[in-house]
Amino acid sequence: MRRRKLFEYNFVLLNFYESGHAKIGAHKDDEPTLDQTVDIATLSFGACRDMIFSKKGYKSVRQELEAGSLLLMHDQKEWTHANPPQPCVKEPRISLTFRRVWSSL
C-alpha cells in the first residue's frame, strides 16, 4: 500500500473570485509537473461557494466550500472539478490551493 504525503507542499496558487459571477470550468489537475502522490489542499476564505466533482460512471457531487474550510483532493487525474457561477453570491472569495510540483532545479 502506497502512503500519501499530505502536507509536503512547495507551491501555492491564490484564486480571487470577486463575486458569484466568477467561475472556473470543469477541469482535471493533471499537469505533468504536478506530483500526483501528494493530495491537493484548498483553503477557502470569504463567501461560501460550491465545487462540483465529476467522474465518468459516477453521479456528480456538489460540495460547499465555506470560509475556513480545508478540502483535500486526491486522484486528480480521475476526477474533474469546477466552481460554477452562483450569481446570488455577492461577496468575494479567496482560495489558496497548495500543491507539490516537480522542481527542475
N, C-alpha and C. Protein backbone atom coordinates (compact mmCIF):
# COMPACT_ATOMS: atom_id res chain seq x y z
N MET A 1 0.84 -1.18 0.00
CA MET A 1 0.00 0.00 0.00
C MET A 1 0.89 1.25 0.00
N ARG A 2 0.62 2.15 -0.91
CA ARG A 2 1.38 3.39 -1.01
C ARG A 2 0.84 4.40 0.00
N ARG A 3 1.72 5.04 0.70
CA ARG A 3 1.34 6.04 1.68
C ARG A 3 1.40 7.43 1.05
N ARG A 4 0.39 8.25 1.29
CA ARG A 4 0.33 9.59 0.72
C ARG A 4 1.09 10.58 1.59
N LYS A 5 1.76 11.52 0.94
CA LYS A 5 2.42 12.62 1.62
C LYS A 5 1.47 13.80 1.54
N LEU A 6 0.74 14.06 2.60
CA LEU A 6 -0.34 15.04 2.55
C LEU A 6 0.10 16.49 2.68
N PHE A 7 1.17 16.76 3.40
CA PHE A 7 1.45 18.15 3.73
C PHE A 7 2.86 18.58 3.36
N GLU A 8 3.40 18.08 2.29
CA GLU A 8 4.72 18.47 1.83
C GLU A 8 4.57 19.28 0.54
N TYR A 9 4.11 20.53 0.70
CA TYR A 9 3.82 21.38 -0.45
C TYR A 9 4.96 22.34 -0.74
N ASN A 10 5.11 22.69 -2.02
CA ASN A 10 6.13 23.66 -2.41
C ASN A 10 5.58 24.70 -3.39
N PHE A 11 4.26 24.77 -3.53
CA PHE A 11 3.63 25.70 -4.46
C PHE A 11 2.24 26.05 -3.93
N VAL A 12 1.88 27.32 -4.02
CA VAL A 12 0.53 27.74 -3.65
C VAL A 12 -0.03 28.64 -4.74
N LEU A 13 -1.28 28.42 -5.08
CA LEU A 13 -1.99 29.21 -6.09
C LEU A 13 -3.11 29.97 -5.37
N LEU A 14 -3.16 31.29 -5.57
CA LEU A 14 -4.23 32.09 -4.99
C LEU A 14 -5.23 32.43 -6.07
N ASN A 15 -6.50 32.11 -5.84
CA ASN A 15 -7.57 32.48 -6.75
C ASN A 15 -8.49 33.46 -6.04
N PHE A 16 -8.83 34.57 -6.71
CA PHE A 16 -9.74 35.56 -6.18
C PHE A 16 -11.00 35.56 -7.02
N TYR A 17 -12.13 35.37 -6.36
CA TYR A 17 -13.43 35.39 -7.02
C TYR A 17 -14.15 36.66 -6.53
N GLU A 18 -14.33 37.63 -7.39
CA GLU A 18 -14.90 38.92 -6.99
C GLU A 18 -16.33 38.77 -6.48
N SER A 19 -17.07 37.86 -7.09
CA SER A 19 -18.47 37.61 -6.70
C SER A 19 -18.85 36.23 -7.23
N GLY A 20 -20.13 35.91 -7.10
CA GLY A 20 -20.62 34.63 -7.60
C GLY A 20 -20.65 34.52 -9.11
N HIS A 21 -20.39 35.61 -9.81
CA HIS A 21 -20.33 35.56 -11.27
C HIS A 21 -19.01 34.93 -11.75
N ALA A 22 -17.98 34.99 -10.92
CA ALA A 22 -16.69 34.39 -11.28
C ALA A 22 -16.80 32.87 -11.18
N LYS A 23 -16.15 32.19 -12.11
CA LYS A 23 -16.25 30.73 -12.15
C LYS A 23 -14.96 30.12 -12.69
N ILE A 24 -14.84 28.81 -12.48
CA ILE A 24 -13.79 28.02 -13.12
C ILE A 24 -14.48 26.80 -13.70
N GLY A 25 -14.29 26.56 -14.99
CA GLY A 25 -14.93 25.44 -15.66
C GLY A 25 -14.35 24.10 -15.22
N ALA A 26 -15.04 23.05 -15.60
CA ALA A 26 -14.63 21.69 -15.24
C ALA A 26 -13.25 21.38 -15.81
N HIS A 27 -12.38 20.85 -14.96
CA HIS A 27 -11.02 20.51 -15.39
C HIS A 27 -10.43 19.47 -14.45
N LYS A 28 -9.34 18.87 -14.89
CA LYS A 28 -8.56 17.94 -14.07
C LYS A 28 -7.21 18.59 -13.79
N ASP A 29 -6.71 18.37 -12.61
CA ASP A 29 -5.36 18.83 -12.27
C ASP A 29 -4.40 17.71 -12.64
N ASP A 30 -4.03 17.67 -13.91
CA ASP A 30 -3.20 16.56 -14.39
C ASP A 30 -1.95 17.05 -15.11
N GLU A 31 -1.47 18.24 -14.70
CA GLU A 31 -0.26 18.78 -15.31
C GLU A 31 0.91 17.84 -15.05
N PRO A 32 1.81 17.68 -16.02
CA PRO A 32 2.94 16.77 -15.84
C PRO A 32 3.89 17.19 -14.72
N THR A 33 3.87 18.46 -14.34
CA THR A 33 4.76 18.93 -13.27
C THR A 33 4.18 18.70 -11.88
N LEU A 34 2.94 18.23 -11.80
CA LEU A 34 2.26 18.03 -10.53
C LEU A 34 2.59 16.65 -9.96
N ASP A 35 3.03 16.60 -8.72
CA ASP A 35 3.31 15.33 -8.04
C ASP A 35 1.97 14.70 -7.66
N GLN A 36 1.57 13.66 -8.38
CA GLN A 36 0.27 13.01 -8.19
C GLN A 36 0.20 12.18 -6.91
N THR A 37 1.32 11.98 -6.22
CA THR A 37 1.29 11.20 -4.98
C THR A 37 0.92 12.06 -3.77
N VAL A 38 0.84 13.38 -3.97
CA VAL A 38 0.52 14.30 -2.87
C VAL A 38 -0.84 14.93 -3.15
N ASP A 39 -1.74 14.85 -2.17
CA ASP A 39 -3.06 15.45 -2.32
C ASP A 39 -2.96 16.96 -2.49
N ILE A 40 -3.90 17.53 -3.22
CA ILE A 40 -4.02 18.97 -3.35
C ILE A 40 -4.89 19.44 -2.19
N ALA A 41 -4.49 20.53 -1.54
CA ALA A 41 -5.26 21.09 -0.43
C ALA A 41 -5.76 22.47 -0.83
N THR A 42 -7.04 22.73 -0.61
CA THR A 42 -7.63 24.03 -0.90
C THR A 42 -8.23 24.61 0.37
N LEU A 43 -7.77 25.80 0.73
CA LEU A 43 -8.24 26.52 1.90
C LEU A 43 -9.08 27.70 1.41
N SER A 44 -10.30 27.83 1.93
CA SER A 44 -11.24 28.84 1.45
C SER A 44 -11.45 29.96 2.46
N PHE A 45 -11.58 31.18 1.95
CA PHE A 45 -11.86 32.37 2.75
C PHE A 45 -12.96 33.17 2.06
N GLY A 46 -13.81 33.81 2.83
CA GLY A 46 -14.84 34.68 2.26
C GLY A 46 -16.14 33.93 2.01
N ALA A 47 -16.78 34.28 0.92
CA ALA A 47 -18.10 33.75 0.60
C ALA A 47 -18.09 32.24 0.42
N CYS A 48 -19.17 31.62 0.82
CA CYS A 48 -19.36 30.18 0.60
C CYS A 48 -19.65 29.96 -0.88
N ARG A 49 -18.92 29.05 -1.50
CA ARG A 49 -19.12 28.71 -2.91
C ARG A 49 -19.14 27.20 -3.07
N ASP A 50 -19.75 26.74 -4.15
CA ASP A 50 -19.84 25.31 -4.44
C ASP A 50 -18.70 24.87 -5.33
N MET A 51 -18.32 23.60 -5.17
CA MET A 51 -17.42 22.93 -6.09
C MET A 51 -18.13 21.64 -6.51
N ILE A 52 -18.09 21.36 -7.80
CA ILE A 52 -18.74 20.16 -8.32
C ILE A 52 -17.67 19.19 -8.80
N PHE A 53 -17.76 17.95 -8.32
CA PHE A 53 -16.83 16.89 -8.71
C PHE A 53 -17.55 15.91 -9.60
N SER A 54 -16.88 15.48 -10.68
CA SER A 54 -17.48 14.53 -11.63
C SER A 54 -16.45 13.49 -12.03
N LYS A 55 -16.95 12.28 -12.24
CA LYS A 55 -16.12 11.19 -12.74
C LYS A 55 -17.01 10.30 -13.60
N LYS A 56 -16.49 9.90 -14.73
CA LYS A 56 -17.26 9.07 -15.66
C LYS A 56 -17.79 7.84 -14.93
N GLY A 57 -19.08 7.60 -15.09
CA GLY A 57 -19.70 6.44 -14.46
C GLY A 57 -20.19 6.67 -13.04
N TYR A 58 -20.00 7.89 -12.52
CA TYR A 58 -20.42 8.21 -11.16
C TYR A 58 -21.34 9.44 -11.19
N LYS A 59 -22.19 9.54 -10.19
CA LYS A 59 -23.04 10.72 -10.04
C LYS A 59 -22.18 11.89 -9.57
N SER A 60 -22.41 13.08 -10.13
CA SER A 60 -21.67 14.27 -9.72
C SER A 60 -21.96 14.59 -8.25
N VAL A 61 -20.96 15.18 -7.60
CA VAL A 61 -21.07 15.54 -6.19
C VAL A 61 -20.85 17.04 -6.06
N ARG A 62 -21.74 17.71 -5.34
CA ARG A 62 -21.62 19.14 -5.07
C ARG A 62 -21.18 19.32 -3.62
N GLN A 63 -20.09 20.08 -3.42
CA GLN A 63 -19.56 20.31 -2.07
C GLN A 63 -19.51 21.81 -1.82
N GLU A 64 -20.10 22.25 -0.70
CA GLU A 64 -20.00 23.66 -0.31
C GLU A 64 -18.64 23.91 0.32
N LEU A 65 -17.98 24.96 -0.12
CA LEU A 65 -16.70 25.35 0.46
C LEU A 65 -16.92 26.62 1.27
N GLU A 66 -17.07 26.42 2.57
CA GLU A 66 -17.34 27.53 3.48
C GLU A 66 -16.05 28.22 3.88
N ALA A 67 -16.16 29.45 4.39
CA ALA A 67 -15.00 30.19 4.88
C ALA A 67 -14.30 29.37 5.96
N GLY A 68 -13.00 29.21 5.82
CA GLY A 68 -12.21 28.45 6.78
C GLY A 68 -12.16 26.97 6.51
N SER A 69 -12.85 26.49 5.47
CA SER A 69 -12.84 25.05 5.19
C SER A 69 -11.56 24.64 4.46
N LEU A 70 -11.16 23.42 4.70
CA LEU A 70 -10.00 22.82 4.04
C LEU A 70 -10.46 21.58 3.30
N LEU A 71 -10.20 21.55 2.01
CA LEU A 71 -10.59 20.42 1.17
C LEU A 71 -9.33 19.74 0.66
N LEU A 72 -9.24 18.42 0.85
CA LEU A 72 -8.12 17.64 0.30
C LEU A 72 -8.63 16.85 -0.89
N MET A 73 -7.92 16.98 -2.01
CA MET A 73 -8.31 16.28 -3.23
C MET A 73 -7.21 15.30 -3.63
N HIS A 74 -7.61 14.07 -3.93
CA HIS A 74 -6.66 13.11 -4.47
C HIS A 74 -7.27 12.52 -5.75
N ASP A 75 -6.51 11.69 -6.42
CA ASP A 75 -6.93 11.14 -7.72
C ASP A 75 -7.28 12.25 -8.71
N GLN A 76 -6.39 13.25 -8.80
CA GLN A 76 -6.64 14.40 -9.64
C GLN A 76 -6.82 14.03 -11.11
N LYS A 77 -6.20 12.94 -11.54
CA LYS A 77 -6.33 12.54 -12.95
C LYS A 77 -7.66 11.84 -13.23
N GLU A 78 -8.36 11.43 -12.18
CA GLU A 78 -9.60 10.68 -12.34
C GLU A 78 -10.84 11.56 -12.28
N TRP A 79 -10.82 12.60 -11.49
CA TRP A 79 -11.99 13.44 -11.25
C TRP A 79 -11.83 14.82 -11.89
N THR A 80 -12.90 15.34 -12.44
CA THR A 80 -12.92 16.74 -12.83
C THR A 80 -13.59 17.52 -11.70
N HIS A 81 -13.27 18.80 -11.61
CA HIS A 81 -13.92 19.66 -10.63
C HIS A 81 -14.11 21.04 -11.24
N ALA A 82 -15.12 21.74 -10.73
CA ALA A 82 -15.47 23.06 -11.26
C ALA A 82 -16.06 23.91 -10.16
N ASN A 83 -15.90 25.22 -10.31
CA ASN A 83 -16.59 26.19 -9.46
C ASN A 83 -17.59 26.88 -10.38
N PRO A 84 -18.87 26.49 -10.31
CA PRO A 84 -19.86 27.07 -11.23
C PRO A 84 -20.23 28.50 -10.81
N PRO A 85 -20.79 29.27 -11.74
CA PRO A 85 -21.26 30.61 -11.34
C PRO A 85 -22.42 30.48 -10.36
N GLN A 86 -22.46 31.39 -9.40
CA GLN A 86 -23.55 31.47 -8.42
C GLN A 86 -23.91 32.95 -8.27
N PRO A 87 -24.69 33.48 -9.23
CA PRO A 87 -24.97 34.92 -9.28
C PRO A 87 -25.56 35.50 -7.99
N CYS A 88 -26.19 34.68 -7.17
CA CYS A 88 -26.78 35.19 -5.93
C CYS A 88 -25.71 35.53 -4.88
N VAL A 89 -24.48 35.04 -5.07
CA VAL A 89 -23.39 35.34 -4.14
C VAL A 89 -22.79 36.69 -4.51
N LYS A 90 -22.84 37.63 -3.59
CA LYS A 90 -22.36 38.99 -3.85
C LYS A 90 -20.99 39.26 -3.24
N GLU A 91 -20.58 38.47 -2.26
CA GLU A 91 -19.32 38.68 -1.56
C GLU A 91 -18.17 38.00 -2.30
N PRO A 92 -16.94 38.46 -2.08
CA PRO A 92 -15.77 37.83 -2.70
C PRO A 92 -15.35 36.55 -1.97
N ARG A 93 -14.55 35.76 -2.66
CA ARG A 93 -13.98 34.54 -2.09
C ARG A 93 -12.53 34.46 -2.53
N ILE A 94 -11.70 33.96 -1.64
CA ILE A 94 -10.30 33.67 -1.96
C ILE A 94 -10.06 32.21 -1.65
N SER A 95 -9.37 31.54 -2.54
CA SER A 95 -8.95 30.17 -2.27
C SER A 95 -7.43 30.09 -2.41
N LEU A 96 -6.83 29.38 -1.49
CA LEU A 96 -5.40 29.06 -1.57
C LEU A 96 -5.30 27.57 -1.85
N THR A 97 -4.66 27.23 -2.96
CA THR A 97 -4.53 25.83 -3.36
C THR A 97 -3.07 25.43 -3.26
N PHE A 98 -2.81 24.47 -2.38
CA PHE A 98 -1.45 24.01 -2.10
C PHE A 98 -1.18 22.75 -2.90
N ARG A 99 -0.01 22.72 -3.55
CA ARG A 99 0.37 21.59 -4.40
C ARG A 99 1.84 21.26 -4.19
N ARG A 100 2.20 20.10 -4.62
CA ARG A 100 3.61 19.72 -4.71
C ARG A 100 3.91 19.55 -6.19
N VAL A 101 4.88 20.32 -6.66
CA VAL A 101 5.27 20.23 -8.06
C VAL A 101 6.71 19.75 -8.15
N TRP A 102 7.01 19.12 -9.27
CA TRP A 102 8.39 18.66 -9.51
C TRP A 102 9.24 19.86 -9.83
N SER A 103 10.36 19.96 -9.21
CA SER A 103 11.28 21.07 -9.44
C SER A 103 12.28 20.71 -10.53
N SER A 104 12.63 21.69 -11.34
CA SER A 104 13.62 21.46 -12.40
C SER A 104 15.02 21.83 -11.90
N LEU A 105 15.14 22.19 -10.62
CA LEU A 105 16.45 22.56 -10.07
C LEU A 105 17.31 21.36 -9.79
